[in-house]
């Protein structure tokens, strides 16, 4: 994954732990330590010895909107109707 490319959750629903650490500005040791202590700020999927991080919650934490399938973010998403 290139550092400047934000992953689309529709294309990559999970990231490798170290990719998530890079997006959060964490080092490898610090990231794994947070996971071990239960303090990682988004859900963590433990699949045997592999650790995966769901892309959508990570992007939400960072305040980034995932790209739509056309590759462009929606500048004005639909809003719920007023009651």
C-alpha atoms as a PDB file:
ATOM      1  CA  UNK A   1       0.000   0.000   0.000  1.00  0.00           C
ATOM      2  CA  UNK A   2       1.402   3.369  -0.983  1.00  0.00           C
ATOM      3  CA  UNK A   3       1.529   5.844   1.884  1.00  0.00           C
ATOM      4  CA  UNK A   4      -0.517   8.463  -0.005  1.00  0.00           C
ATOM      5  CA  UNK A   5      -3.327   6.066  -1.006  1.00  0.00           C
ATOM      6  CA  UNK A   6      -6.171   5.682   1.456  1.00  0.00           C
ATOM      7  CA  UNK A   7      -7.692   2.205   1.083  1.00  0.00           C
ATOM      8  CA  UNK A   8     -11.308   1.772   0.008  1.00  0.00           C
ATOM      9  CA  UNK A   9     -13.097  -0.503   2.511  1.00  0.00           C
ATOM     10  CA  UNK A  10     -15.120  -2.006  -0.348  1.00  0.00           C
ATOM     11  CA  UNK A  11     -11.908  -3.183  -2.009  1.00  0.00           C
ATOM     12  CA  UNK A  12      -9.867  -3.881   1.142  1.00  0.00           C
ATOM     13  CA  UNK A  13     -12.147  -4.571   4.094  1.00  0.00           C
ATOM     14  CA  UNK A  14      -9.160  -5.269   6.335  1.00  0.00           C
ATOM     15  CA  UNK A  15      -5.565  -4.131   6.536  1.00  0.00           C
ATOM     16  CA  UNK A  16      -2.461  -5.798   7.864  1.00  0.00           C
ATOM     17  CA  UNK A  17      -1.690  -4.559  11.356  1.00  0.00           C
ATOM     18  CA  UNK A  18       1.475  -2.801  10.204  1.00  0.00           C
ATOM     19  CA  UNK A  19      -0.436  -0.910   7.482  1.00  0.00           C
ATOM     20  CA  UNK A  20      -2.854   0.354  10.129  1.00  0.00           C
ATOM     21  CA  UNK A  21       0.054   1.344  12.375  1.00  0.00           C
ATOM     22  CA  UNK A  22       1.536   3.406   9.526  1.00  0.00           C
ATOM     23  CA  UNK A  23      -1.764   5.245   8.939  1.00  0.00           C
ATOM     24  CA  UNK A  24      -1.927   6.034  12.654  1.00  0.00           C
ATOM     25  CA  UNK A  25       1.704   7.133  12.824  1.00  0.00           C
ATOM     26  CA  UNK A  26       2.614   4.281  15.177  1.00  0.00           C
ATOM     27  CA  UNK A  27       5.737   2.215  15.138  1.00  0.00           C
ATOM     28  CA  UNK A  28       5.524  -1.558  14.852  1.00  0.00           C
ATOM     29  CA  UNK A  29       6.413  -2.191  18.502  1.00  0.00           C
ATOM     30  CA  UNK A  30       4.014   0.430  19.876  1.00  0.00           C
ATOM     31  CA  UNK A  31       1.150  -0.811  17.685  1.00  0.00           C
ATOM     32  CA  UNK A  32       1.521  -4.444  18.695  1.00  0.00           C
ATOM     33  CA  UNK A  33       1.856  -3.422  22.338  1.00  0.00           C
ATOM     34  CA  UNK A  34      -1.432  -1.489  22.168  1.00  0.00           C
ATOM     35  CA  UNK A  35      -3.120  -4.540  20.650  1.00  0.00           C
ATOM     36  CA  UNK A  36      -1.639  -6.816  23.314  1.00  0.00           C
ATOM     37  CA  UNK A  37      -2.858  -4.530  26.106  1.00  0.00           C
ATOM     38  CA  UNK A  38      -6.333  -4.185  24.566  1.00  0.00           C
ATOM     39  CA  UNK A  39      -5.861  -0.459  23.972  1.00  0.00           C
ATOM     40  CA  UNK A  40      -5.865  -0.307  20.169  1.00  0.00           C
ATOM     41  CA  UNK A  41      -8.372   2.419  19.190  1.00  0.00           C
ATOM     42  CA  UNK A  42     -10.330   0.336  16.645  1.00  0.00           C
ATOM     43  CA  UNK A  43     -11.501  -3.295  16.549  1.00  0.00           C
ATOM     44  CA  UNK A  44      -8.827  -5.932  16.036  1.00  0.00           C
ATOM     45  CA  UNK A  45      -9.439  -9.259  14.300  1.00  0.00           C
ATOM     46  CA  UNK A  46      -7.243 -12.105  15.489  1.00  0.00           C
ATOM     47  CA  UNK A  47      -7.217 -14.864  12.883  1.00  0.00           C
ATOM     48  CA  UNK A  48      -4.870 -17.512  14.218  1.00  0.00           C
ATOM     49  CA  UNK A  49      -1.472 -15.843  14.213  1.00  0.00           C
ATOM     50  CA  UNK A  50      -2.608 -13.092  11.843  1.00  0.00           C
ATOM     51  CA  UNK A  51      -3.928  -9.769  13.060  1.00  0.00           C
ATOM     52  CA  UNK A  52      -6.185  -7.763  10.762  1.00  0.00           C
ATOM     53  CA  UNK A  53      -7.639  -4.297  11.274  1.00  0.00           C
ATOM     54  CA  UNK A  54     -11.025  -3.436   9.695  1.00  0.00           C
ATOM     55  CA  UNK A  55     -10.526  -0.566   7.248  1.00  0.00           C
ATOM     56  CA  UNK A  56     -13.808   1.344   7.761  1.00  0.00           C
ATOM     57  CA  UNK A  57     -13.458   1.935  11.542  1.00  0.00           C
ATOM     58  CA  UNK A  58      -9.837   2.972  11.051  1.00  0.00           C
ATOM     59  CA  UNK A  59     -10.767   5.556   8.420  1.00  0.00           C
ATOM     60  CA  UNK A  60     -13.615   6.798  10.630  1.00  0.00           C
ATOM     61  CA  UNK A  61     -11.183   7.246  13.523  1.00  0.00           C
ATOM     62  CA  UNK A  62      -8.916   9.292  11.260  1.00  0.00           C
ATOM     63  CA  UNK A  63     -11.843  11.427  10.086  1.00  0.00           C
ATOM     64  CA  UNK A  64     -11.479  10.236   6.512  1.00  0.00           C
ATOM     65  CA  UNK A  65     -14.318   9.199   4.254  1.00  0.00           C
ATOM     66  CA  UNK A  66     -13.714   6.034   2.309  1.00  0.00           C
ATOM     67  CA  UNK A  67     -13.789   6.474  -1.455  1.00  0.00           C
ATOM     68  CA  UNK A  68     -16.886   5.329  -3.335  1.00  0.00           C
ATOM     69  CA  UNK A  69     -16.642   2.547  -5.903  1.00  0.00           C
ATOM     70  CA  UNK A  70     -16.062   5.196  -8.596  1.00  0.00           C
ATOM     71  CA  UNK A  71     -12.974   6.325  -6.714  1.00  0.00           C
ATOM     72  CA  UNK A  72     -14.364   9.671  -5.583  1.00  0.00           C
ATOM     73  CA  UNK A  73     -15.606  10.561  -2.124  1.00  0.00           C
ATOM     74  CA  UNK A  74     -19.159  11.852  -1.898  1.00  0.00           C
ATOM     75  CA  UNK A  75     -18.908  15.587  -1.065  1.00  0.00           C
ATOM     76  CA  UNK A  76     -22.526  15.769   0.165  1.00  0.00           C
ATOM     77  CA  UNK A  77     -23.737  12.439   1.588  1.00  0.00           C
ATOM     78  CA  UNK A  78     -27.479  11.937   2.080  1.00  0.00           C
ATOM     79  CA  UNK A  79     -28.843  13.120   5.428  1.00  0.00           C
ATOM     80  CA  UNK A  80     -31.720  11.625   7.389  1.00  0.00           C
ATOM     81  CA  UNK A  81     -35.063  13.334   6.848  1.00  0.00           C
ATOM     82  CA  UNK A  82     -36.233  15.618   9.652  1.00  0.00           C
ATOM     83  CA  UNK A  83     -39.071  14.206  11.717  1.00  0.00           C
END
